[in-house]
Amino acid sequence: MPLVLGSARTEGPRIDTGDTAWLLAATALVLLMTPGLALFYGGMVRTKSVLNMLMMSFVSIALVTVVWLAAGYSLAFGDDAFGGLVGGLRHAGMAGLGPDSVQGTVPTVLFATFQLTFAIVTAALISGAVADRTKFGAWLVFVPVWTLLVYVPVAHWVWGPGGWITADLHALDFAGGMPVEIASGASGLALCLVLGPRLGFRKDAMRPHNLPMVVLGAGLLWFGWFGFNAGSALAADGLAASAFLNTLAAGCTGLLGWLFVEQKRDGHPTTLGAASGAVAGLVAITPSCGSVSLLGGLVVGLAAGAVCSYAVSWKFKLNYDDSLDVVGVHLVGGIIGTLLIGVFAVRGMTGGAQGLLYGGGLGQLGRQLVGVLAVGAYAFLVTYGIGKLIDTTMGLRAAEDEERTGLDLTVHAESAYDHGVLGHGAPVSSASAQKVRLQ
């Protein structure tokens, strides 16, 4: 994603109406991914915490937007201020981004909004790792702090003017393998370790309560992902079209790869597997969709679907409770897609760099590996520190009785489904909550 802060219209390229129209549509598509994620996650949890899961995604839209407009955009995409680590505050509060400011061939304010939608869905992704047991109030604190301390610096490293991963390391990441997928996955793992496992982990059945909802959420995610990846070309051109096709292809092979492993391993291809495999393929193609050929895209998706179908079971062997497989899908899938750029990148897509299979040697693969390790380690360590600080000061985990009863009733005083416990409009009391728990 070529990102350099825009200049005034009289000093740079004029706004292209076609590019602008496409990016407006892409921005709306990416924003839709967060409600899609809410449904995807909401269907995967048990009935007692569905609304809490939806709320964790929806409230992220509001929290990240405020932070982004206040300082996040300027720190991520402003002129480099600290040796490739973060931008300055020149555009805090969106200062200087009037209607005449242009980023490439689109209004800078539109570019900033497009990037905002990336930050929103990245923060929301983490919620899947800590579902069923996180204090909602603590989540309201975590999201803005995490956005400023983790997402913003990593976005600057990869996409910002002078960011060290792009400018110095020359690693490639077209649409967010490192800032979105690896950062959210590593952060989810860190929070899992701070919180500890859910009550009944490895003992109680914790199956998805609504698979049609999961599939609907996956479908909305897939639909929005076209804006996520093809929109990252920042133009309505051939590169956007290639990224679009790669996105479709990798989602398909990811789905097939996951189902193949399920059939081979378990004897049953599942609906949850199909939805998860498609998402795994989409995750992996995110960093590479603008760097690999169609053949490369097909292989990237297939590899992610197959490997991630095994990776989601690692939590039982390593005893960390990643509730909805953020680590197994987003961290592992993001690593696969980012590294395979070093294998399948073609000059026709990158404009220069080539992968190992196309005569580029091991250099690009090595650069991709350094980027993966740096972002993963940074996101994990800083998130672990944030989680520990919140846990020490206000508590990160919900009380045991709230977790047993379900966060929908105890936190939000609502229920996603009518279980015949509450009358119409009846307030939730401790007695009614106890009644739900005993049924």
Protein backbone atom coordinates (compact mmCIF):
# COMPACT_ATOMS: atom_id res chain seq x y z
CA MET A 1 0.00 0.00 0.00
CA PRO A 2 1.89 3.15 -1.15
CA LEU A 3 1.33 5.68 1.60
CA VAL A 4 2.75 9.19 1.67
CA LEU A 5 0.84 12.02 3.31
CA GLY A 6 -0.95 14.13 0.72
CA SER A 7 -0.29 17.70 -0.31
CA ALA A 8 -2.53 20.56 -1.42
CA ARG A 9 -4.39 20.11 -4.66
CA THR A 10 -2.50 22.93 -6.34
CA GLU A 11 0.86 21.29 -5.52
CA GLY A 12 0.14 17.66 -6.36
CA PRO A 13 -2.08 15.33 -8.35
CA ARG A 14 -5.71 16.19 -8.74
CA ILE A 15 -8.48 14.09 -7.27
CA ASP A 16 -9.51 11.27 -9.58
CA THR A 17 -13.25 10.75 -9.31
CA GLY A 18 -13.06 7.06 -10.26
CA ASP A 19 -10.44 6.32 -7.63
CA THR A 20 -12.38 8.34 -5.07
CA ALA A 21 -15.65 6.56 -5.81
CA TRP A 22 -13.97 3.19 -5.47
CA LEU A 23 -12.30 4.10 -2.17
CA LEU A 24 -15.60 5.44 -0.79
CA ALA A 25 -17.16 2.07 -1.55
CA ALA A 26 -14.16 0.17 -0.18
CA THR A 27 -14.29 2.16 3.06
CA ALA A 28 -17.93 1.22 3.56
CA LEU A 29 -17.09 -2.42 2.81
CA VAL A 30 -14.32 -2.50 5.41
CA LEU A 31 -16.54 -0.89 8.03
CA LEU A 32 -19.12 -3.62 7.37
CA MET A 33 -16.50 -6.19 8.35
CA THR A 34 -16.82 -5.25 12.03
CA PRO A 35 -20.58 -6.01 12.24
CA GLY A 36 -19.81 -9.13 10.19
CA LEU A 37 -17.15 -10.07 12.72
CA ALA A 38 -19.65 -9.48 15.53
CA LEU A 39 -22.04 -12.00 13.97
CA PHE A 40 -19.21 -14.45 13.23
CA TYR A 41 -18.01 -14.32 16.84
CA GLY A 42 -21.54 -14.06 18.26
CA GLY A 43 -22.59 -17.32 16.66
CA MET A 44 -19.51 -19.09 17.98
CA VAL A 45 -20.10 -18.37 21.67
CA ARG A 46 -22.71 -19.90 23.97
CA THR A 47 -26.16 -18.35 24.29
CA LYS A 48 -25.40 -16.67 27.61
CA SER A 49 -22.79 -14.28 26.19
CA VAL A 50 -23.96 -13.56 22.63
CA LEU A 51 -24.84 -9.91 23.20
CA ASN A 52 -21.64 -9.23 25.08
CA MET A 53 -19.72 -10.60 22.11
CA LEU A 54 -21.64 -8.36 19.72
CA MET A 55 -21.10 -5.37 21.98
CA MET A 56 -17.34 -5.85 22.15
CA SER A 57 -17.16 -5.42 18.37
CA PHE A 58 -19.69 -2.61 18.07
CA VAL A 59 -18.23 -0.52 20.88
CA SER A 60 -14.82 -0.83 19.20
CA ILE A 61 -16.19 1.18 16.29
CA ALA A 62 -16.89 4.13 18.58
CA LEU A 63 -13.78 3.87 20.73
CA VAL A 64 -11.26 3.50 17.91
CA THR A 65 -12.91 6.27 15.87
CA VAL A 66 -12.49 8.79 18.69
CA VAL A 67 -8.87 7.80 19.29
CA TRP A 68 -8.06 7.78 15.58
CA LEU A 69 -9.48 11.23 14.93
CA ALA A 70 -7.81 12.69 18.02
CA ALA A 71 -4.28 11.40 17.47
CA GLY A 72 -4.12 7.93 15.92
CA TYR A 73 -4.11 8.95 12.27
CA SER A 74 -1.47 11.61 12.77
CA LEU A 75 0.82 9.24 14.71
CA ALA A 76 0.39 6.44 12.18
CA PHE A 77 0.47 8.34 8.89
CA GLY A 78 1.98 11.70 9.75
CA ASP A 79 5.53 12.56 8.75
CA ASP A 80 8.01 10.34 10.57
CA ALA A 81 9.11 11.86 13.88
CA PHE A 82 11.16 9.18 15.65
CA GLY A 83 13.45 7.27 13.31
CA GLY A 84 10.83 5.18 11.55
CA LEU A 85 8.94 4.31 14.75
CA VAL A 86 6.00 6.71 14.80
CA GLY A 87 4.70 9.87 13.18
CA GLY A 88 4.18 13.25 14.77
CA LEU A 89 1.11 15.12 15.98
CA ARG A 90 0.91 17.66 13.20
CA HIS A 91 -2.48 16.31 12.12
CA ALA A 92 -3.89 15.65 15.61
CA GLY A 93 -7.61 16.27 15.56
CA MET A 94 -7.40 15.90 11.75
CA ALA A 95 -5.83 19.34 11.52
CA GLY A 96 -4.86 20.36 8.01
CA LEU A 97 -6.94 17.71 6.28
CA GLY A 98 -9.38 19.99 4.53
CA PRO A 99 -11.22 19.31 1.27
CA ASP A 100 -8.22 20.49 -0.79
CA SER A 101 -5.78 18.03 0.79
CA VAL A 102 -4.99 15.13 -1.55
CA GLN A 103 -3.47 11.70 -0.87
CA GLY A 104 -2.35 10.34 -4.20
CA THR A 105 -5.50 10.74 -6.28
CA VAL A 106 -8.09 10.72 -3.46
CA PRO A 107 -9.00 13.23 -0.73
CA THR A 108 -6.75 12.80 2.29
CA VAL A 109 -9.74 12.78 4.62
CA LEU A 110 -11.09 9.76 2.72
CA PHE A 111 -7.76 8.00 2.96
CA ALA A 112 -7.76 8.67 6.72
CA THR A 113 -11.27 7.26 7.03
CA PHE A 114 -10.34 4.18 5.03
CA GLN A 115 -7.43 3.55 7.38
CA LEU A 116 -9.69 4.12 10.37
CA THR A 117 -11.84 1.16 9.35
CA PHE A 118 -8.72 -1.04 9.41
CA ALA A 119 -7.91 0.05 12.95
CA ILE A 120 -11.48 -0.64 14.08
CA VAL A 121 -11.68 -4.22 12.86
CA THR A 122 -8.18 -5.00 14.16
CA ALA A 123 -9.11 -4.04 17.72
CA ALA A 124 -12.40 -5.95 17.45
CA LEU A 125 -10.57 -9.10 16.31
CA ILE A 126 -8.87 -9.43 19.69
CA SER A 127 -12.20 -9.85 21.45
CA GLY A 128 -12.58 -13.35 20.06
CA ALA A 129 -9.57 -14.55 22.03
CA VAL A 130 -11.01 -13.42 25.37
CA ALA A 131 -14.71 -14.13 24.85
CA ASP A 132 -16.99 -15.13 27.76
CA ARG A 133 -14.78 -13.83 30.57
CA THR A 134 -13.65 -10.23 30.07
CA LYS A 135 -15.02 -7.27 32.03
CA PHE A 136 -16.83 -4.97 29.65
CA GLY A 137 -15.54 -1.90 31.50
CA ALA A 138 -11.99 -3.18 31.19
CA TRP A 139 -12.53 -3.70 27.45
CA LEU A 140 -13.59 -0.05 27.16
CA VAL A 141 -10.21 0.93 28.60
CA PHE A 142 -8.15 -1.65 26.74
CA VAL A 143 -9.28 -0.79 23.20
CA PRO A 144 -8.18 2.87 23.03
CA VAL A 145 -4.94 2.21 24.91
CA TRP A 146 -4.09 -0.76 22.68
CA THR A 147 -4.92 1.20 19.54
CA LEU A 148 -2.50 3.97 20.47
CA LEU A 149 0.32 1.82 21.85
CA VAL A 150 0.22 -1.18 19.51
CA TYR A 151 -1.76 -0.65 16.31
CA VAL A 152 -0.68 2.92 15.60
CA PRO A 153 3.10 2.31 15.83
CA VAL A 154 2.93 -0.92 13.82
CA ALA A 155 0.81 0.76 11.13
CA HIS A 156 3.46 3.47 10.88
CA TRP A 157 6.27 0.90 10.62
CA VAL A 158 4.56 -0.85 7.73
CA TRP A 159 2.64 1.91 5.90
CA GLY A 160 3.59 5.31 7.27
CA PRO A 161 6.06 7.71 5.64
CA GLY A 162 9.52 6.59 6.73
CA GLY A 163 8.26 3.56 8.64
CA TRP A 164 11.25 1.28 9.24
CA ILE A 165 9.71 -2.00 8.02
CA THR A 166 9.00 -0.56 4.58
CA ALA A 167 11.63 2.16 4.24
CA ASP A 168 14.61 0.36 5.81
CA LEU A 169 13.81 -3.35 5.91
CA HIS A 170 11.92 -3.35 2.57
CA ALA A 171 9.48 -6.02 3.70
CA LEU A 172 6.18 -6.12 1.79
CA ASP A 173 2.68 -6.01 3.22
CA PHE A 174 -0.06 -4.88 0.87
CA ALA A 175 -3.15 -4.80 3.07
CA GLY A 176 -2.33 -5.65 6.67
CA GLY A 177 -0.73 -9.02 7.44
CA MET A 178 1.48 -7.43 10.07
CA PRO A 179 -0.54 -4.47 11.47
CA VAL A 180 -3.88 -6.31 11.38
CA GLU A 181 -3.51 -10.09 11.46
CA ILE A 182 -0.23 -10.70 13.29
CA ALA A 183 -0.71 -7.80 15.71
CA SER A 184 -4.23 -8.88 16.65
CA GLY A 185 -3.29 -12.56 16.91
CA ALA A 186 -0.22 -11.95 19.07
CA SER A 187 -2.20 -9.52 21.21
CA GLY A 188 -5.00 -12.04 21.62
CA LEU A 189 -2.49 -14.61 22.82
CA ALA A 190 -1.09 -12.16 25.37
CA LEU A 191 -4.54 -11.39 26.78
CA CYS A 192 -5.36 -15.11 26.94
CA LEU A 193 -2.36 -15.62 29.18
CA VAL A 194 -3.23 -12.64 31.41
CA LEU A 195 -6.86 -13.74 31.82
CA GLY A 196 -6.41 -17.47 32.13
CA PRO A 197 -8.84 -20.06 30.72
CA ARG A 198 -12.62 -19.92 30.88
CA LEU A 199 -14.39 -21.84 33.64
CA GLY A 200 -14.80 -25.37 32.35
CA PHE A 201 -12.13 -25.09 29.65
CA ARG A 202 -11.22 -28.59 28.41
CA LYS A 203 -14.06 -30.02 30.53
CA ASP A 204 -17.35 -28.50 29.38
CA ALA A 205 -18.71 -28.47 25.85
CA MET A 206 -18.30 -24.96 24.44
CA ARG A 207 -19.77 -25.45 21.00
CA PRO A 208 -21.00 -22.60 18.76
CA HIS A 209 -24.64 -21.94 19.58
CA ASN A 210 -25.71 -20.67 16.13
CA LEU A 211 -23.88 -21.89 13.05
CA PRO A 212 -26.12 -20.04 10.57
CA MET A 213 -25.07 -16.83 12.32
CA VAL A 214 -21.43 -17.87 11.97
CA VAL A 215 -21.84 -18.45 8.24
CA LEU A 216 -23.65 -15.12 7.81
CA GLY A 217 -20.84 -13.36 9.63
CA ALA A 218 -18.22 -15.13 7.51
CA GLY A 219 -20.09 -14.11 4.37
CA LEU A 220 -20.16 -10.46 5.42
CA LEU A 221 -16.47 -10.63 6.28
CA TRP A 222 -15.68 -12.09 2.86
CA PHE A 223 -17.77 -9.40 1.16
CA GLY A 224 -16.03 -6.64 3.13
CA TRP A 225 -12.60 -8.17 2.50
CA PHE A 226 -12.78 -7.10 -1.14
CA GLY A 227 -12.74 -3.51 0.07
CA PHE A 228 -10.01 -4.36 2.57
CA ASN A 229 -7.64 -5.82 -0.01
CA ALA A 230 -8.58 -4.31 -3.37
CA GLY A 231 -9.19 -0.93 -1.74
CA SER A 232 -5.60 -0.93 -0.52
CA ALA A 233 -4.48 -0.18 -4.08
CA LEU A 234 -5.98 3.28 -3.42
CA ALA A 235 -7.05 3.37 -7.07
CA ALA A 236 -9.53 1.75 -9.43
CA ASP A 237 -6.86 0.05 -11.52
CA GLY A 238 -5.36 -3.27 -12.54
CA LEU A 239 -3.61 -3.78 -9.22
CA ALA A 240 -6.93 -3.42 -7.40
CA ALA A 241 -8.51 -5.92 -9.80
CA SER A 242 -5.69 -8.44 -9.25
CA ALA A 243 -5.93 -8.05 -5.48
CA PHE A 244 -9.70 -8.54 -5.76
CA LEU A 245 -9.31 -11.81 -7.68
CA ASN A 246 -6.57 -13.07 -5.36
CA THR A 247 -8.87 -12.39 -2.42
CA LEU A 248 -11.67 -14.45 -3.94
CA ALA A 249 -9.35 -17.27 -4.94
CA ALA A 250 -7.58 -17.57 -1.59
CA GLY A 251 -10.84 -17.57 0.33
CA CYS A 252 -12.01 -20.49 -1.82
CA THR A 253 -8.85 -22.57 -1.47
CA GLY A 254 -8.70 -21.79 2.25
CA LEU A 255 -12.20 -23.20 2.62
CA LEU A 256 -11.33 -26.32 0.61
CA GLY A 257 -8.04 -26.85 2.42
CA TRP A 258 -9.71 -26.75 5.84
CA LEU A 259 -12.47 -29.15 4.75
CA PHE A 260 -9.93 -31.57 3.27
CA VAL A 261 -8.07 -31.72 6.58
CA GLU A 262 -11.31 -32.18 8.53
CA GLN A 263 -12.42 -35.02 6.27
CA LYS A 264 -9.02 -36.69 6.47
CA ARG A 265 -8.62 -36.21 10.22
CA ASP A 266 -12.16 -36.41 11.60
CA GLY A 267 -14.21 -37.98 8.84
CA HIS A 268 -16.62 -35.02 8.73
CA PRO A 269 -16.40 -31.73 6.81
CA THR A 270 -18.18 -29.18 9.04
CA THR A 271 -20.00 -25.91 8.51
CA LEU A 272 -17.80 -24.24 11.11
CA GLY A 273 -14.77 -25.57 9.26
CA ALA A 274 -15.95 -24.13 5.96
CA ALA A 275 -16.48 -20.68 7.50
CA SER A 276 -13.18 -20.81 9.39
CA GLY A 277 -11.27 -22.04 6.35
CA ALA A 278 -12.56 -19.22 4.18
CA VAL A 279 -11.53 -16.70 6.84
CA ALA A 280 -8.08 -18.34 7.16
CA GLY A 281 -7.53 -18.02 3.42
CA LEU A 282 -8.63 -14.39 3.48
CA VAL A 283 -6.33 -13.66 6.39
CA ALA A 284 -3.32 -15.12 4.59
CA ILE A 285 -3.94 -13.37 1.29
CA THR A 286 -4.30 -9.98 3.00
CA PRO A 287 -0.57 -9.15 3.06
CA SER A 288 0.19 -10.89 -0.24
CA CYS A 289 -2.77 -10.04 -2.51
CA GLY A 290 -0.82 -7.21 -4.16
CA SER A 291 2.42 -9.17 -4.49
CA VAL A 292 1.60 -12.64 -5.83
CA SER A 293 0.13 -14.00 -9.04
CA LEU A 294 -3.18 -15.85 -9.14
CA LEU A 295 -1.33 -19.15 -8.78
CA GLY A 296 0.43 -17.79 -5.72
CA GLY A 297 -2.87 -16.61 -4.28
CA LEU A 298 -4.40 -20.06 -4.70
CA VAL A 299 -1.46 -21.69 -2.92
CA VAL A 300 -1.42 -19.09 -0.12
CA GLY A 301 -5.09 -19.72 0.62
CA LEU A 302 -4.73 -23.50 0.47
CA ALA A 303 -1.73 -23.48 2.80
CA ALA A 304 -3.53 -21.28 5.32
CA GLY A 305 -6.69 -23.38 5.30
CA ALA A 306 -4.79 -26.60 5.88
CA VAL A 307 -2.30 -25.32 8.48
CA CYS A 308 -4.80 -23.22 10.44
CA SER A 309 -7.15 -26.20 10.73
CA TYR A 310 -4.41 -27.86 12.78
CA ALA A 311 -3.30 -24.70 14.55
CA VAL A 312 -6.67 -24.12 16.25
CA SER A 313 -6.12 -27.30 18.29
CA TRP A 314 -2.75 -26.16 19.65
CA LYS A 315 -4.50 -24.36 22.51
CA PHE A 316 -5.46 -27.71 24.03
CA LYS A 317 -1.90 -28.97 23.87
CA LEU A 318 -0.32 -25.74 25.12
CA ASN A 319 -3.14 -24.95 27.59
CA TYR A 320 -4.03 -21.41 26.57
CA ASP A 321 -7.71 -20.61 26.09
CA ASP A 322 -8.08 -18.75 22.82
CA SER A 323 -11.88 -18.80 22.89
CA LEU A 324 -12.66 -18.27 19.20
CA ASP A 325 -9.31 -19.20 17.60
CA VAL A 326 -7.86 -15.76 16.97
CA VAL A 327 -4.37 -17.17 17.45
CA GLY A 328 -4.93 -20.24 15.31
CA VAL A 329 -6.49 -18.33 12.42
CA HIS A 330 -5.29 -14.73 12.48
CA LEU A 331 -1.80 -15.07 13.94
CA VAL A 332 -0.92 -18.29 12.11
CA GLY A 333 -2.70 -17.27 8.90
CA GLY A 334 -1.08 -13.83 8.98
CA ILE A 335 2.36 -15.37 9.41
CA ILE A 336 1.78 -17.77 6.51
CA GLY A 337 0.61 -15.05 4.15
CA THR A 338 3.38 -12.63 5.10
CA LEU A 339 6.15 -15.18 4.76
CA LEU A 340 4.90 -16.63 1.48
CA ILE A 341 5.41 -13.24 -0.14
CA GLY A 342 9.09 -14.15 0.04
CA VAL A 343 8.32 -17.30 -1.97
CA PHE A 344 5.66 -16.27 -4.50
CA ALA A 345 6.14 -12.52 -5.06
CA VAL A 346 6.32 -11.58 -8.75
CA ARG A 347 7.82 -8.44 -10.24
CA GLY A 348 4.69 -7.80 -12.29
CA MET A 349 2.78 -7.20 -9.05
CA THR A 350 5.44 -5.67 -6.79
CA GLY A 351 7.20 -3.55 -9.39
CA GLY A 352 10.57 -4.90 -8.30
CA ALA A 353 10.86 -7.53 -5.58
CA GLN A 354 10.61 -11.20 -6.48
CA GLY A 355 10.15 -14.30 -4.35
CA LEU A 356 12.29 -17.39 -4.08
CA LEU A 357 10.41 -19.33 -6.78
CA TYR A 358 10.84 -16.53 -9.29
CA GLY A 359 14.59 -16.04 -8.95
CA GLY A 360 14.58 -13.59 -6.06
CA GLY A 361 16.66 -15.75 -3.72
CA LEU A 362 16.19 -15.86 0.04
CA GLY A 363 16.53 -12.12 0.60
CA GLN A 364 12.86 -11.18 0.47
CA LEU A 365 11.87 -14.18 2.57
CA GLY A 366 14.38 -13.11 5.21
CA ARG A 367 13.03 -9.57 5.23
CA GLN A 368 9.48 -10.87 5.64
CA LEU A 369 10.61 -13.05 8.56
CA VAL A 370 12.22 -10.13 10.36
CA GLY A 371 9.02 -8.12 9.99
CA VAL A 372 6.90 -10.98 11.32
CA LEU A 373 9.14 -11.49 14.36
CA ALA A 374 9.37 -7.79 15.16
CA VAL A 375 5.64 -7.11 14.95
CA GLY A 376 4.65 -10.31 16.73
CA ALA A 377 7.06 -9.75 19.61
CA TYR A 378 6.18 -6.07 19.99
CA ALA A 379 2.42 -6.67 19.94
CA PHE A 380 2.65 -9.56 22.38
CA LEU A 381 4.88 -7.81 24.92
CA VAL A 382 3.09 -4.45 24.91
CA THR A 383 -0.35 -6.06 25.04
CA TYR A 384 0.73 -8.29 27.90
CA GLY A 385 1.88 -5.19 29.77
CA ILE A 386 -1.38 -3.35 29.07
CA GLY A 387 -3.41 -6.37 30.18
CA LYS A 388 -1.43 -6.78 33.39
CA LEU A 389 -1.78 -3.07 34.22
CA ILE A 390 -5.55 -3.12 33.69
CA ASP A 391 -5.86 -6.35 35.64
CA THR A 392 -3.91 -4.88 38.55
CA THR A 393 -5.78 -1.58 38.69
CA MET A 394 -9.41 -2.38 37.84
CA GLY A 395 -9.52 -6.09 37.10
CA LEU A 396 -9.62 -7.55 33.61
CA ARG A 397 -11.65 -10.68 34.24
CA ALA A 398 -15.34 -10.79 35.09
CA ALA A 399 -16.34 -12.21 38.47
CA GLU A 400 -16.86 -15.96 38.63
CA ASP A 401 -20.61 -15.72 39.25
CA GLU A 402 -20.98 -13.35 36.28
CA GLU A 403 -19.07 -15.72 34.04
CA ARG A 404 -21.17 -18.68 35.13
CA THR A 405 -24.46 -16.84 34.68
CA GLY A 406 -23.41 -15.21 31.43
CA LEU A 407 -22.32 -11.69 30.66
CA ASP A 408 -25.47 -10.82 28.73
CA LEU A 409 -27.64 -10.78 31.86
CA THR A 410 -25.10 -9.68 34.43
CA VAL A 411 -23.47 -6.89 32.42
CA HIS A 412 -26.02 -5.74 29.85
CA ALA A 413 -29.29 -6.77 31.57
CA GLU A 414 -30.43 -8.37 28.32
CA SER A 415 -30.82 -11.79 26.77
CA ALA A 416 -30.34 -12.66 23.12
CA TYR A 417 -33.05 -15.31 23.26
CA ASP A 418 -36.31 -15.61 25.18
CA HIS A 419 -35.80 -18.49 27.58
CA GLY A 420 -39.06 -17.86 29.38
CA VAL A 421 -37.26 -16.44 32.39
CA LEU A 422 -37.83 -12.71 32.07
CA GLY A 423 -41.13 -11.00 31.43
CA HIS A 424 -41.46 -8.30 28.78
CA GLY A 425 -39.51 -5.33 29.97
CA ALA A 426 -38.78 -6.88 33.37
CA PRO A 427 -35.57 -5.66 34.99
CA VAL A 428 -32.85 -8.20 35.59
CA SER A 429 -32.29 -8.93 39.26
CA SER A 430 -29.81 -11.17 41.02
CA ALA A 431 -32.67 -13.60 41.65
CA SER A 432 -33.58 -13.82 37.94
CA ALA A 433 -29.95 -14.22 37.00
CA GLN A 434 -29.68 -17.04 39.54
CA LYS A 435 -32.78 -18.65 38.02
CA VAL A 436 -31.16 -18.59 34.56
CA ARG A 437 -28.02 -20.18 35.97
CA LEU A 438 -29.93 -23.03 37.61
CA GLN A 439 -31.93 -23.97 34.53
